[in-house]
Amino acid sequence: MIALRDVTVAYGGRPVLDRVSWTVRRGERWALIGPNGSGKTTLLSLVCGDHPQAYGTDVSVFGQRRGTGESIWDVKRRIGLVSPELHLYFTHPMTAHAAAATGFFDVVTPRPTTADQDAAVGRLFAEFELSDVAGRPFGRLSTGQQRLVLLVRALVKNPELLILDEPFQGLDRPAVEHAKAWLDAHLGADQTLVFVSHHPNEIPASVTRFLRLDGGRVAEVG
């Protein structure tokens, strides 16, 4: 699913990632850990195709090396993503339901949806106890509710690769436990998860592998 081979990314001559190699196979569940500034965000941006150096390094996603003809949209349609950076882009007025449904299109503004797509959002809203806020403006929800809506957004298209970067920011403990249990119970055996958190107690029980970065280098793999 993901293969980085001796990848280095530098800004102004300073390495942000330093000779990083990492292989993720279909169906594996990984925790990506490390202190702030360790290179986690840069690594994920390479995987998602959002980093300009993704095409000058040895990075392969879904078995295809970057820069060999795929478009960024070919990659994104197979990935479900939550991140603090993505959250900042949701400034357009829309309902919580419409915000979650943007996940079908990999955009941050509302698009027309089909009955099947609306049903998929409604089902996930029920499972995450969000049904009561579906018609409310996304911008008026609490931070925790917004984060759950964006988690649903990442899940709506049943992605092959799910990247959850600090997905539980702003959630109270019962909501975190509920979301963890949902991920453990409902992710398919062939779905791949990369989970980022500074808090070990937020990592779902089904996560069995970890990559720890420190100072842009691989400090530990397990």
Protein backbone atom coordinates (compact mmCIF):
# COMPACT_ATOMS: atom_id res chain seq x y z
CA MET A 1 0.00 0.00 0.00
CA ILE A 2 2.82 2.40 0.92
CA ALA A 3 6.53 2.10 0.20
CA LEU A 4 9.14 4.75 0.98
CA ARG A 5 12.71 3.86 0.10
CA ASP A 6 15.53 5.94 1.56
CA VAL A 7 13.45 9.13 1.32
CA THR A 8 15.00 12.47 2.24
CA VAL A 9 13.15 15.79 2.27
CA ALA A 10 14.96 19.00 3.13
CA TYR A 11 14.10 22.68 3.43
CA GLY A 12 16.96 25.11 2.98
CA GLY A 13 19.44 22.28 3.36
CA ARG A 14 17.93 21.07 6.64
CA PRO A 15 16.52 17.52 6.47
CA VAL A 16 12.93 17.15 7.65
CA LEU A 17 12.96 13.47 6.68
CA ASP A 18 16.35 11.79 6.63
CA ARG A 19 16.69 8.51 4.67
CA VAL A 20 13.33 7.16 5.76
CA SER A 21 12.24 3.73 4.54
CA TRP A 22 8.82 2.33 5.43
CA THR A 23 6.60 -0.38 3.97
CA VAL A 24 2.89 -0.77 4.76
CA ARG A 25 0.99 -3.78 3.41
CA ARG A 26 -2.71 -4.09 2.70
CA GLY A 27 -4.78 -4.65 5.83
CA GLU A 28 -2.07 -3.61 8.28
CA ARG A 29 -2.86 -1.21 11.13
CA TRP A 30 -0.07 1.22 11.96
CA ALA A 31 0.53 3.89 14.59
CA LEU A 32 2.78 6.73 13.39
CA ILE A 33 4.30 8.31 16.48
CA GLY A 34 6.96 10.83 17.45
CA PRO A 35 7.30 14.31 18.94
CA ASN A 36 6.26 17.50 17.19
CA GLY A 37 8.75 18.28 14.43
CA SER A 38 9.74 14.65 13.97
CA GLY A 39 8.55 14.55 10.34
CA LYS A 40 5.17 12.84 10.67
CA THR A 41 3.20 15.51 8.79
CA THR A 42 5.76 15.63 5.97
CA LEU A 43 5.68 11.85 5.63
CA LEU A 44 1.88 11.82 5.37
CA SER A 45 1.90 14.63 2.81
CA LEU A 46 4.23 12.53 0.65
CA VAL A 47 1.82 9.60 0.84
CA CYS A 48 -1.20 11.75 -0.01
CA GLY A 49 0.57 13.50 -2.90
CA ASP A 50 0.29 16.93 -1.33
CA HIS A 51 4.02 17.52 -0.97
CA PRO A 52 5.94 18.94 -3.96
CA GLN A 53 8.89 16.63 -3.30
CA ALA A 54 6.69 13.53 -3.52
CA TYR A 55 7.55 13.24 -7.20
CA GLY A 56 11.33 13.51 -6.78
CA THR A 57 11.66 10.77 -4.17
CA ASP A 58 11.13 7.01 -4.15
CA VAL A 59 7.55 6.96 -2.86
CA SER A 60 5.01 4.39 -4.04
CA VAL A 61 1.35 4.27 -3.06
CA PHE A 62 -1.01 1.47 -4.10
CA GLY A 63 1.92 -0.16 -5.89
CA GLN A 64 2.61 2.77 -8.20
CA ARG A 65 5.60 5.05 -7.87
CA ARG A 66 4.85 8.76 -7.75
CA GLY A 67 5.49 10.57 -11.00
CA THR A 68 4.69 7.63 -13.26
CA GLY A 69 1.43 8.95 -14.67
CA GLU A 70 -1.15 8.91 -11.88
CA SER A 71 -2.97 12.10 -10.93
CA ILE A 72 -3.32 13.34 -7.39
CA TRP A 73 -7.07 12.65 -7.66
CA ASP A 74 -6.41 9.02 -8.61
CA VAL A 75 -4.60 8.70 -5.30
CA LYS A 76 -7.00 10.72 -3.15
CA ARG A 77 -10.10 8.82 -4.23
CA ARG A 78 -8.65 5.71 -2.55
CA ILE A 79 -7.66 7.46 0.69
CA GLY A 80 -9.79 8.62 3.60
CA LEU A 81 -8.09 11.41 5.55
CA VAL A 82 -8.53 13.31 8.80
CA SER A 83 -5.96 15.89 9.88
CA PRO A 84 -5.81 19.15 11.84
CA GLU A 85 -4.71 20.91 8.64
CA LEU A 86 -7.71 19.62 6.69
CA HIS A 87 -10.05 20.86 9.41
CA LEU A 88 -8.86 24.43 8.81
CA TYR A 89 -10.16 24.36 5.22
CA PHE A 90 -13.79 23.84 6.26
CA THR A 91 -14.87 27.48 6.22
CA HIS A 92 -17.65 27.31 3.60
CA PRO A 93 -21.18 27.46 5.08
CA MET A 94 -22.77 23.99 4.98
CA THR A 95 -24.56 21.54 7.19
CA ALA A 96 -22.80 18.80 9.11
CA HIS A 97 -24.31 16.24 6.71
CA ALA A 98 -23.00 18.15 3.68
CA ALA A 99 -19.55 18.47 5.27
CA ALA A 100 -19.34 14.71 5.77
CA ALA A 101 -20.57 14.07 2.22
CA THR A 102 -17.67 16.07 0.74
CA GLY A 103 -15.61 12.97 1.48
CA PHE A 104 -17.13 11.28 -1.56
CA PHE A 105 -15.54 13.93 -3.78
CA ASP A 106 -12.32 14.82 -1.90
CA VAL A 107 -13.30 18.49 -1.74
CA VAL A 108 -14.12 20.93 1.08
CA THR A 109 -17.24 22.56 -0.39
CA PRO A 110 -20.67 20.93 -0.76
CA ARG A 111 -21.59 18.91 -3.83
CA PRO A 112 -24.90 17.33 -4.92
CA THR A 113 -25.25 13.81 -3.53
CA THR A 114 -27.18 10.69 -4.47
CA ALA A 115 -29.72 8.92 -2.29
CA ASP A 116 -27.20 6.13 -1.65
CA GLN A 117 -24.55 8.63 -0.58
CA ASP A 118 -27.00 10.38 1.75
CA ALA A 119 -27.94 7.02 3.24
CA ALA A 120 -24.29 6.15 3.85
CA VAL A 121 -23.72 9.45 5.68
CA GLY A 122 -26.93 8.97 7.67
CA ARG A 123 -25.92 5.48 8.73
CA LEU A 124 -22.50 6.63 9.94
CA PHE A 125 -24.03 9.63 11.71
CA ALA A 126 -26.30 7.25 13.60
CA GLU A 127 -23.39 5.00 14.53
CA PHE A 128 -21.35 7.96 15.80
CA GLU A 129 -24.35 9.52 17.58
CA LEU A 130 -24.42 12.55 15.30
CA SER A 131 -27.93 12.24 13.85
CA ASP A 132 -29.22 15.15 15.93
CA VAL A 133 -26.70 17.57 14.41
CA ALA A 134 -26.91 16.46 10.77
CA GLY A 135 -28.88 19.53 9.68
CA ARG A 136 -27.02 22.05 11.80
CA PRO A 137 -24.36 24.37 10.36
CA PHE A 138 -20.97 22.67 10.58
CA GLY A 139 -19.34 25.90 11.79
CA ARG A 140 -21.67 26.08 14.81
CA LEU A 141 -20.86 22.62 16.12
CA SER A 142 -18.48 22.08 19.01
CA THR A 143 -14.90 21.21 18.11
CA GLY A 144 -15.50 17.62 19.16
CA GLN A 145 -18.60 17.32 16.99
CA GLN A 146 -16.73 18.81 14.04
CA ARG A 147 -13.93 16.27 14.48
CA LEU A 148 -16.43 13.41 14.51
CA VAL A 149 -18.10 14.77 11.36
CA LEU A 150 -14.70 14.84 9.66
CA LEU A 151 -14.02 11.29 10.83
CA VAL A 152 -17.28 10.25 9.15
CA ARG A 153 -16.14 12.18 6.08
CA ALA A 154 -13.00 10.03 5.95
CA LEU A 155 -15.06 6.84 6.21
CA VAL A 156 -17.93 7.49 3.80
CA LYS A 157 -16.33 6.02 0.68
CA ASN A 158 -15.00 2.93 2.51
CA PRO A 159 -11.41 3.82 1.54
CA GLU A 160 -8.62 1.32 0.93
CA LEU A 161 -6.24 3.46 3.00
CA LEU A 162 -7.42 5.39 6.05
CA ILE A 163 -5.07 8.06 7.43
CA LEU A 164 -6.21 9.46 10.77
CA ASP A 165 -3.93 12.26 11.96
CA GLU A 166 -4.88 13.30 15.51
CA PRO A 167 -8.54 12.40 14.79
CA PHE A 168 -9.68 12.65 18.41
CA GLN A 169 -8.61 16.23 19.14
CA GLY A 170 -11.41 17.96 21.05
CA LEU A 171 -13.29 14.75 21.91
CA ASP A 172 -14.18 13.82 25.46
CA ARG A 173 -13.20 10.41 26.82
CA PRO A 174 -16.54 8.62 26.12
CA ALA A 175 -16.47 9.85 22.50
CA VAL A 176 -12.87 8.68 22.09
CA GLU A 177 -13.69 5.23 23.44
CA HIS A 178 -16.75 4.98 21.22
CA ALA A 179 -14.78 5.96 18.11
CA LYS A 180 -11.95 3.55 18.96
CA ALA A 181 -14.42 0.70 19.40
CA TRP A 182 -16.07 1.56 16.08
CA LEU A 183 -12.77 1.45 14.22
CA ASP A 184 -11.81 -1.86 15.83
CA ALA A 185 -15.18 -3.42 15.00
CA HIS A 186 -16.01 -2.02 11.58
CA LEU A 187 -12.85 -1.54 9.51
CA GLY A 188 -12.61 -4.27 6.90
CA ALA A 189 -9.82 -6.82 6.90
CA ASP A 190 -8.48 -5.37 3.63
CA GLN A 191 -8.59 -1.75 4.79
CA THR A 192 -5.26 -0.26 5.85
CA LEU A 193 -5.00 2.19 8.75
CA VAL A 194 -2.32 4.72 9.64
CA PHE A 195 -3.15 6.37 12.96
CA VAL A 196 -1.28 9.38 14.36
CA SER A 197 -1.54 10.46 17.98
CA HIS A 198 0.59 11.83 20.81
CA HIS A 199 -1.56 9.89 23.28
CA PRO A 200 -1.06 6.09 23.46
CA ASN A 201 -4.48 5.60 25.06
CA GLU A 202 -6.13 6.96 21.88
CA ILE A 203 -4.67 4.28 19.61
CA PRO A 204 -7.23 1.60 18.69
CA ALA A 205 -6.59 -1.91 19.97
CA SER A 206 -6.50 -3.28 16.42
CA VAL A 207 -3.32 -1.27 15.69
CA THR A 208 -0.46 -3.79 15.91
CA ARG A 209 2.46 -2.03 14.14
CA PHE A 210 4.21 1.24 14.82
CA LEU A 211 6.72 3.58 13.22
CA ARG A 212 8.41 6.09 15.52
CA LEU A 213 10.12 9.10 14.00
CA ASP A 214 12.53 11.37 15.81
CA GLY A 215 14.37 14.26 14.21
CA GLY A 216 13.25 13.15 10.76
CA ARG A 217 14.75 9.70 11.11
CA VAL A 218 13.24 6.29 11.78
CA ALA A 219 13.90 5.76 15.49
CA GLU A 220 12.02 2.48 15.86
CA VAL A 221 9.77 0.13 13.89
CA GLY A 222 7.71 -2.58 15.51
